[in-house]
Amino acid sequence: MWDLIVDFFKSTGIAGIFQGDGWKNLLMIILALVIIFVAIFKDAEPYLLIPIGVGMLLANMSMLSSNIGDWIFNHQAAVYDEITGELVTAESYSGLLGYLYMGVKTGIYPCLIFLGIGATTDFGPLISNPKTMILGAAAQIGIFLTFLGALALGFAPNVASSIGIIGGADGPTAILVTKSLAPEYLASISVAAYSYMALVPFIQPPIIRLLTTKKERQIKMQELKPVSKKKKILFPVITMFVCIILIPSCAPLIGCLMLGNLIKESGVVPKLTEAAGNTILYTVTILLGLCVGATATGDNFLTVDTLKIFALGICAFAIATAAGVLFGKLMSLLDHGKTNPMIGAAGVSAVPMAARVVHKEGLREDPENFLLMHAMGPNVAGVIGSAVAAGLLLLLFL
């Protein structure tokens, strides 16, 4: 009888805490609970952070007990013969989240999310004021400066590329690049990317206020001109053609983004638009969050490199925001004060959160200063820019 009790205890997760690296999994379980708490009670990106937190919770609890590990997330690394170098056992995934993880490994989930973004985003402000494309491009400076910073800290070029893409404030793009260039860092980079996306309303305002004057923040912009349906239909087709011809590796993201926008603007397939922007988008968001969280286990997350990645991530985001605002100031100077430089901060890819931050900052200075639609121009440009930047990094280092 006593032996049965001992064997049962050894098979539980409680015993696993005191064995090997069990304490690391315990810390990750606590972190997962914190993430879930912040998502629910602080309303910080709940659609993303709740699935990520639950994925972390499930994966780390399963690692404490051998009885449930195979049912949740089991990863078997590829094994090579030490003498011949030939592949003996192929890399494999099993368990509920292991099978779902194939959508991350193959890059399907990020592309489907871009499909949903395209189906829910109005490109009209960008088409109406095409010069804001420059602000979206300027914000991508954060990606490349962080890439250089990561190289300086000793990261390999492929890993540095994955870290740099955090500056685009685009979780799906960060996941797509990382799963291709540095899959061993997927947990750290994806959690950092989504964490900073959730912190957009807290990170951007101080940077905006630091780099602009009160007079600049009070600038009222002229009302945008209406955009014809013909232009809205042609824009995704032309953008798709130009981007993919120049950088073929951005085809998956740009193709899905523009497909989503095309079916939206065509007006002839409302059911497809509704499915892409609601059912598919939210379903894939759940699956992607669960799988990303499942990779954040104690043994591969609690490292010095993770701390470096989080530090570089905040630098990437701050630089991207600052670059957008500074280019906005330059644009305002060149057009004699017609552009509010704050809209440059919306050049990061967090749609529409960054645009809302700019809008709130405008209202803070003047209750009649409405900047939301003006900020959506660089915000949409940022989505396109981050996808193109990701394609360029994949082209160079894959």
Protein backbone atom coordinates (compact mmCIF):
# COMPACT_ATOMS: atom_id res chain seq x y z
CA MET A 1 0.00 0.00 0.00
CA TRP A 2 2.77 2.42 0.95
CA ASP A 3 4.57 1.66 -2.30
CA LEU A 4 1.46 2.58 -4.26
CA ILE A 5 1.22 5.91 -2.43
CA VAL A 6 4.91 6.65 -3.10
CA ASP A 7 4.59 5.73 -6.78
CA PHE A 8 1.50 7.93 -7.11
CA PHE A 9 3.30 10.88 -5.50
CA LYS A 10 6.30 10.45 -7.80
CA SER A 11 4.00 10.56 -10.81
CA THR A 12 2.41 13.88 -9.78
CA GLY A 13 3.57 17.35 -10.75
CA ILE A 14 4.25 18.13 -7.08
CA ALA A 15 7.17 15.71 -7.06
CA GLY A 16 8.39 17.15 -10.35
CA ILE A 17 8.94 20.53 -8.73
CA PHE A 18 11.74 19.08 -6.61
CA GLN A 19 13.39 17.13 -9.42
CA GLY A 20 15.96 18.51 -11.86
CA ASP A 21 14.83 21.83 -13.39
CA GLY A 22 11.35 21.58 -11.93
CA TRP A 23 11.83 24.89 -10.14
CA LYS A 24 12.18 26.59 -13.53
CA ASN A 25 8.83 25.22 -14.62
CA LEU A 26 7.32 26.42 -11.34
CA LEU A 27 8.58 29.94 -12.03
CA MET A 28 7.10 29.79 -15.53
CA ILE A 29 3.76 28.67 -14.08
CA ILE A 30 3.80 31.72 -11.79
CA LEU A 31 4.70 33.95 -14.76
CA ALA A 32 1.83 32.42 -16.77
CA LEU A 33 -0.60 33.23 -13.97
CA VAL A 34 0.69 36.82 -13.87
CA ILE A 35 0.20 37.16 -17.63
CA ILE A 36 -3.37 35.84 -17.38
CA PHE A 37 -4.08 38.21 -14.47
CA VAL A 38 -2.74 41.25 -16.35
CA ALA A 39 -4.67 40.30 -19.49
CA ILE A 40 -7.99 39.92 -17.67
CA PHE A 41 -7.87 42.54 -14.92
CA LYS A 42 -5.70 45.16 -16.66
CA ASP A 43 -7.22 44.59 -20.12
CA ALA A 44 -3.74 44.33 -21.68
CA GLU A 45 -4.14 42.58 -25.05
CA PRO A 46 -6.45 39.90 -23.59
CA TYR A 47 -7.08 38.27 -26.98
CA LEU A 48 -3.37 37.48 -27.20
CA LEU A 49 -2.13 37.17 -23.64
CA ILE A 50 -4.86 34.87 -22.30
CA PRO A 51 -4.07 32.09 -24.82
CA ILE A 52 -0.32 32.64 -24.38
CA GLY A 53 -0.64 32.43 -20.60
CA VAL A 54 -2.73 29.27 -20.76
CA GLY A 55 -0.28 27.71 -23.23
CA MET A 56 2.60 28.44 -20.85
CA LEU A 57 0.59 27.03 -17.97
CA LEU A 58 -0.25 23.77 -19.77
CA ALA A 59 3.24 23.18 -21.15
CA ASN A 60 5.07 23.79 -17.88
CA MET A 61 2.61 21.78 -15.80
CA SER A 62 2.96 18.90 -18.26
CA MET A 63 6.74 18.97 -17.87
CA LEU A 64 6.41 18.47 -14.12
CA SER A 65 4.57 15.20 -14.65
CA SER A 66 5.57 12.51 -17.11
CA ASN A 67 1.99 11.23 -17.09
CA ILE A 68 0.56 14.21 -18.97
CA GLY A 69 3.58 15.44 -20.94
CA ASP A 70 2.80 13.32 -24.00
CA TRP A 71 -0.79 14.53 -24.02
CA ILE A 72 -0.06 18.27 -24.00
CA PHE A 73 3.20 19.23 -25.72
CA ASN A 74 5.96 16.78 -26.50
CA HIS A 75 8.90 17.80 -28.66
CA GLN A 76 11.47 15.29 -29.84
CA ALA A 77 14.52 16.95 -31.38
CA ALA A 78 16.12 15.57 -34.50
CA VAL A 79 18.91 13.02 -33.83
CA TYR A 80 21.95 12.69 -36.11
CA ASP A 81 24.54 9.93 -36.26
CA GLU A 82 27.77 11.18 -34.62
CA ILE A 83 29.97 9.48 -37.18
CA THR A 84 28.16 9.82 -40.51
CA GLY A 85 26.13 12.90 -39.69
CA GLU A 86 23.05 11.27 -41.21
CA LEU A 87 19.59 11.90 -39.81
CA VAL A 88 18.57 9.05 -37.52
CA THR A 89 15.30 10.38 -36.06
CA ALA A 90 13.39 13.31 -37.53
CA GLU A 91 12.17 16.16 -35.33
CA SER A 92 8.62 15.48 -34.18
CA TYR A 93 5.83 17.03 -32.15
CA SER A 94 3.01 15.24 -30.36
CA GLY A 95 0.29 15.98 -27.85
CA LEU A 96 -2.58 18.45 -28.26
CA LEU A 97 -0.44 21.58 -28.51
CA GLY A 98 2.31 19.69 -30.33
CA TYR A 99 0.01 18.92 -33.24
CA LEU A 100 -1.42 22.44 -33.22
CA TYR A 101 2.15 23.79 -33.21
CA MET A 102 2.57 22.62 -36.80
CA GLY A 103 0.62 25.72 -37.81
CA VAL A 104 3.43 27.82 -36.31
CA LYS A 105 6.23 25.66 -37.66
CA THR A 106 4.86 25.85 -41.19
CA GLY A 107 4.07 29.57 -40.94
CA ILE A 108 0.33 29.10 -41.55
CA TYR A 109 -0.99 30.90 -38.45
CA PRO A 110 0.85 34.24 -38.95
CA CYS A 111 -0.29 34.39 -42.57
CA LEU A 112 -3.92 33.69 -41.66
CA ILE A 113 -3.77 36.46 -39.06
CA PHE A 114 -2.54 38.85 -41.77
CA LEU A 115 -5.51 37.73 -43.86
CA GLY A 116 -7.80 38.79 -41.01
CA ILE A 117 -5.96 42.09 -40.52
CA GLY A 118 -6.40 42.90 -44.20
CA ALA A 119 -10.11 42.10 -44.00
CA THR A 120 -10.65 44.41 -41.02
CA THR A 121 -8.42 47.36 -41.96
CA ASP A 122 -9.32 50.39 -44.05
CA PHE A 123 -6.43 51.37 -46.32
CA GLY A 124 -8.29 54.53 -47.32
CA PRO A 125 -6.32 56.96 -45.10
CA LEU A 126 -3.05 55.74 -46.61
CA ILE A 127 -4.38 56.02 -50.16
CA SER A 128 -5.79 59.48 -49.45
CA ASN A 129 -2.48 60.72 -47.99
CA PRO A 130 0.22 58.53 -49.58
CA LYS A 131 3.11 60.56 -48.13
CA THR A 132 2.38 58.92 -44.77
CA MET A 133 3.93 55.79 -46.27
CA ILE A 134 7.25 57.48 -45.46
CA LEU A 135 6.35 57.54 -41.77
CA GLY A 136 5.53 53.83 -41.84
CA ALA A 137 8.88 53.15 -43.48
CA ALA A 138 10.72 55.39 -40.99
CA ALA A 139 9.42 53.37 -38.07
CA GLN A 140 11.13 50.27 -39.50
CA ILE A 141 14.47 51.91 -38.63
CA GLY A 142 13.96 50.41 -35.19
CA ILE A 143 14.18 46.92 -36.70
CA PHE A 144 17.52 47.47 -38.39
CA LEU A 145 19.19 49.44 -35.59
CA THR A 146 18.19 46.73 -33.12
CA PHE A 147 19.55 44.14 -35.55
CA LEU A 148 22.93 45.89 -35.34
CA GLY A 149 22.66 46.09 -31.55
CA ALA A 150 21.96 42.36 -31.32
CA LEU A 151 25.01 41.65 -33.48
CA ALA A 152 27.10 43.81 -31.15
CA LEU A 153 25.91 41.71 -28.18
CA GLY A 154 27.14 38.56 -29.86
CA PHE A 155 23.98 37.15 -31.42
CA ALA A 156 24.31 35.42 -34.80
CA PRO A 157 22.84 37.32 -37.80
CA ASN A 158 19.83 35.01 -38.06
CA VAL A 159 18.98 35.47 -34.36
CA ALA A 160 19.67 39.22 -34.56
CA SER A 161 17.18 39.44 -37.43
CA SER A 162 14.51 37.77 -35.35
CA ILE A 163 15.19 40.07 -32.39
CA GLY A 164 15.15 43.18 -34.58
CA ILE A 165 11.72 42.41 -35.99
CA ILE A 166 10.25 43.05 -32.51
CA GLY A 167 10.65 46.73 -33.38
CA GLY A 168 7.88 46.39 -35.92
CA ALA A 169 5.42 45.76 -33.05
CA ASP A 170 3.99 42.90 -35.09
CA GLY A 171 3.64 39.57 -33.29
CA PRO A 172 2.73 37.39 -36.31
CA THR A 173 5.65 38.75 -38.34
CA ALA A 174 8.04 38.17 -35.43
CA ILE A 175 6.82 34.58 -35.16
CA LEU A 176 7.14 33.92 -38.90
CA VAL A 177 10.70 35.27 -39.04
CA THR A 178 11.80 33.52 -35.84
CA LYS A 179 10.37 30.12 -36.71
CA SER A 180 12.38 30.28 -39.95
CA LEU A 181 15.63 31.85 -38.73
CA ALA A 182 15.94 31.07 -35.00
CA PRO A 183 13.29 28.57 -33.84
CA GLU A 184 15.13 27.94 -30.57
CA TYR A 185 14.34 31.56 -29.58
CA LEU A 186 10.68 31.46 -30.61
CA ALA A 187 9.33 31.61 -27.05
CA SER A 188 11.47 34.55 -25.90
CA ILE A 189 11.00 36.64 -29.04
CA SER A 190 7.28 36.03 -29.49
CA VAL A 191 6.46 36.68 -25.82
CA ALA A 192 8.59 39.87 -25.94
CA ALA A 193 6.87 41.02 -29.15
CA TYR A 194 3.36 40.49 -27.80
CA SER A 195 4.26 41.95 -24.39
CA TYR A 196 5.46 45.19 -25.93
CA MET A 197 2.41 45.30 -28.21
CA ALA A 198 0.28 45.19 -25.08
CA LEU A 199 2.35 48.03 -23.59
CA VAL A 200 1.93 50.39 -26.57
CA PRO A 201 -0.34 52.78 -24.59
CA PHE A 202 2.33 53.04 -21.89
CA ILE A 203 5.53 53.11 -23.96
CA GLN A 204 4.63 55.53 -26.74
CA PRO A 205 3.12 58.59 -24.97
CA PRO A 206 6.30 59.54 -23.02
CA ILE A 207 8.39 59.25 -26.19
CA ILE A 208 5.90 61.35 -28.17
CA ARG A 209 5.83 64.08 -25.52
CA LEU A 210 9.62 64.08 -25.20
CA LEU A 211 10.20 64.62 -28.93
CA THR A 212 7.41 67.09 -29.71
CA THR A 213 6.41 70.51 -28.48
CA LYS A 214 2.96 71.43 -27.23
CA LYS A 215 2.45 73.55 -30.34
CA GLU A 216 3.29 70.61 -32.60
CA ARG A 217 0.94 68.30 -30.72
CA GLN A 218 -1.89 70.80 -31.21
CA ILE A 219 -1.57 70.89 -35.00
CA LYS A 220 -4.90 70.13 -36.66
CA MET A 221 -4.66 68.32 -39.98
CA GLN A 222 -6.95 68.88 -42.95
CA GLU A 223 -9.77 66.41 -43.43
CA LEU A 224 -8.80 63.49 -45.66
CA LYS A 225 -10.24 63.36 -49.15
CA PRO A 226 -12.68 60.51 -49.90
CA VAL A 227 -11.15 57.56 -51.74
CA SER A 228 -13.01 55.94 -54.62
CA LYS A 229 -13.86 52.25 -54.60
CA LYS A 230 -11.76 51.79 -57.73
CA LYS A 231 -8.63 53.04 -55.95
CA LYS A 232 -9.34 50.88 -52.91
CA ILE A 233 -9.57 47.80 -55.15
CA LEU A 234 -6.47 48.65 -57.19
CA PHE A 235 -4.30 49.42 -54.14
CA PRO A 236 -3.97 45.87 -52.75
CA VAL A 237 -3.38 44.45 -56.22
CA ILE A 238 -0.66 46.98 -57.08
CA THR A 239 0.96 46.76 -53.63
CA MET A 240 1.03 42.99 -53.84
CA PHE A 241 2.65 43.12 -57.27
CA VAL A 242 5.32 45.70 -56.39
CA CYS A 243 6.32 44.22 -53.00
CA ILE A 244 6.50 40.61 -54.17
CA ILE A 245 8.37 41.44 -57.38
CA LEU A 246 11.02 43.35 -55.41
CA ILE A 247 11.22 41.02 -52.36
CA PRO A 248 9.72 37.60 -53.19
CA SER A 249 10.18 36.27 -49.63
CA CYS A 250 7.54 38.70 -48.31
CA ALA A 251 4.91 37.01 -50.51
CA PRO A 252 3.19 34.95 -47.77
CA LEU A 253 2.53 37.93 -45.49
CA ILE A 254 1.88 40.58 -48.12
CA GLY A 255 -0.18 38.17 -50.22
CA CYS A 256 -2.50 37.27 -47.33
CA LEU A 257 -2.74 40.88 -46.11
CA MET A 258 -3.72 42.18 -49.54
CA LEU A 259 -6.07 39.26 -50.21
CA GLY A 260 -7.94 40.09 -47.02
CA ASN A 261 -8.20 43.76 -47.98
CA LEU A 262 -9.23 42.96 -51.55
CA ILE A 263 -12.15 40.77 -50.52
CA LYS A 264 -13.19 43.52 -48.10
CA GLU A 265 -13.08 46.32 -50.64
CA SER A 266 -14.59 44.30 -53.50
CA GLY A 267 -17.92 44.25 -51.69
CA VAL A 268 -19.04 41.11 -53.52
CA VAL A 269 -18.05 38.48 -50.94
CA PRO A 270 -19.35 39.75 -47.58
CA LYS A 271 -19.40 36.24 -46.10
CA LEU A 272 -15.69 35.76 -46.88
CA THR A 273 -14.91 39.15 -45.38
CA GLU A 274 -16.84 38.29 -42.23
CA ALA A 275 -15.16 34.89 -41.96
CA ALA A 276 -11.64 36.25 -42.48
CA GLY A 277 -12.08 39.19 -40.12
CA ASN A 278 -13.90 37.34 -37.37
CA THR A 279 -14.11 33.55 -37.36
CA ILE A 280 -10.72 32.78 -38.89
CA LEU A 281 -8.86 35.67 -37.23
CA TYR A 282 -10.02 34.90 -33.70
CA THR A 283 -9.75 31.13 -34.07
CA VAL A 284 -6.16 31.38 -35.30
CA THR A 285 -5.35 33.92 -32.58
CA ILE A 286 -6.33 31.34 -29.95
CA LEU A 287 -4.30 28.59 -31.59
CA LEU A 288 -1.27 30.81 -32.16
CA GLY A 289 -1.31 32.08 -28.58
CA LEU A 290 -1.57 28.57 -27.13
CA CYS A 291 1.31 27.29 -29.27
CA VAL A 292 3.57 30.27 -28.56
CA GLY A 293 2.91 29.91 -24.84
CA ALA A 294 3.65 26.18 -25.04
CA THR A 295 7.19 26.90 -26.25
CA ALA A 296 7.89 29.10 -23.19
CA THR A 297 9.09 26.36 -20.88
CA GLY A 298 11.54 26.85 -18.04
CA ASP A 299 14.53 25.24 -19.74
CA ASN A 300 14.46 27.40 -22.88
CA PHE A 301 12.99 30.65 -21.50
CA LEU A 302 14.84 31.32 -18.26
CA THR A 303 18.19 32.20 -19.80
CA VAL A 304 20.50 35.20 -20.02
CA ASP A 305 19.70 35.47 -23.73
CA THR A 306 16.03 35.97 -22.86
CA LEU A 307 16.92 38.98 -20.70
CA LYS A 308 18.99 40.40 -23.56
CA ILE A 309 16.10 39.85 -25.98
CA PHE A 310 13.62 41.67 -23.74
CA ALA A 311 16.08 44.57 -23.32
CA LEU A 312 16.70 44.77 -27.05
CA GLY A 313 12.97 44.49 -27.68
CA ILE A 314 12.12 47.59 -25.67
CA CYS A 315 14.96 49.42 -27.43
CA ALA A 316 13.60 48.33 -30.82
CA PHE A 317 10.13 49.57 -29.96
CA ALA A 318 11.36 52.89 -28.56
CA ILE A 319 13.62 53.53 -31.56
CA ALA A 320 10.79 52.70 -34.00
CA THR A 321 8.45 55.12 -32.24
CA ALA A 322 11.10 57.85 -32.04
CA ALA A 323 12.08 57.46 -35.70
CA GLY A 324 8.46 57.81 -36.78
CA VAL A 325 7.96 60.95 -34.69
CA LEU A 326 11.22 62.54 -35.90
CA PHE A 327 10.31 61.93 -39.53
CA GLY A 328 6.89 63.38 -38.72
CA LYS A 329 8.62 66.52 -37.44
CA LEU A 330 10.62 66.71 -40.66
CA MET A 331 7.47 66.29 -42.74
CA SER A 332 5.75 69.00 -40.69
CA LEU A 333 8.70 71.32 -41.31
CA LEU A 334 8.64 70.69 -45.05
CA ASP A 335 4.89 71.22 -45.46
CA HIS A 336 4.87 74.30 -43.18
CA GLY A 337 3.01 72.79 -40.25
CA LYS A 338 0.28 70.87 -42.07
CA THR A 339 1.34 67.51 -40.56
CA ASN A 340 1.06 66.72 -36.88
CA PRO A 341 4.36 64.92 -36.14
CA MET A 342 2.67 62.66 -33.59
CA ILE A 343 1.16 60.54 -36.36
CA GLY A 344 4.66 59.25 -37.08
CA ALA A 345 4.45 57.23 -33.86
CA ALA A 346 1.67 55.20 -35.50
CA GLY A 347 4.19 53.93 -38.05
CA VAL A 348 4.68 50.80 -35.96
CA SER A 349 2.57 47.83 -36.95
CA ALA A 350 0.28 47.64 -33.90
CA VAL A 351 -3.06 48.19 -35.69
CA PRO A 352 -5.10 50.12 -34.66
CA MET A 353 -3.66 50.51 -31.16
CA ALA A 354 -0.83 52.86 -32.13
CA ALA A 355 -3.24 55.08 -34.07
CA ARG A 356 -5.52 55.25 -31.03
CA VAL A 357 -2.59 56.31 -28.84
CA VAL A 358 -1.83 59.19 -31.20
CA HIS A 359 -5.51 60.14 -31.30
CA LYS A 360 -5.70 60.23 -27.49
CA GLU A 361 -2.54 62.35 -27.31
CA GLY A 362 -4.13 64.80 -29.75
CA LEU A 363 -7.31 65.01 -27.65
CA ARG A 364 -5.20 65.47 -24.54
CA GLU A 365 -3.77 68.70 -25.96
CA ASP A 366 -6.95 69.84 -27.71
CA PRO A 367 -10.38 68.17 -27.24
CA GLU A 368 -11.23 69.08 -30.84
CA ASN A 369 -8.10 67.64 -32.45
CA PHE A 370 -9.14 64.35 -34.08
CA LEU A 371 -6.13 62.46 -35.45
CA LEU A 372 -7.37 58.86 -35.62
CA MET A 373 -7.89 58.63 -39.38
CA HIS A 374 -4.71 60.59 -40.10
CA ALA A 375 -2.74 58.21 -37.87
CA MET A 376 -4.23 55.17 -39.61
CA GLY A 377 -2.24 56.09 -42.74
CA PRO A 378 1.21 55.47 -41.24
CA ASN A 379 -0.27 52.65 -39.12
CA VAL A 380 -1.31 50.72 -42.23
CA ALA A 381 2.01 51.61 -43.87
CA GLY A 382 3.74 50.14 -40.82
CA VAL A 383 1.98 46.81 -41.33
CA ILE A 384 3.16 46.70 -44.93
CA GLY A 385 6.62 47.94 -43.96
CA SER A 386 7.14 45.31 -41.26
CA ALA A 387 6.10 42.55 -43.69
CA VAL A 388 8.54 43.84 -46.30
CA ALA A 389 11.32 44.17 -43.69
CA ALA A 390 10.64 40.59 -42.59
CA GLY A 391 10.85 39.43 -46.19
CA LEU A 392 14.16 41.24 -46.64
CA LEU A 393 15.66 39.62 -43.53
CA LEU A 394 14.46 36.18 -44.67
CA LEU A 395 15.94 36.81 -48.10
CA LEU A 396 19.32 37.74 -46.60
CA PHE A 397 19.71 35.18 -43.81
CA LEU A 398 17.53 32.14 -44.54
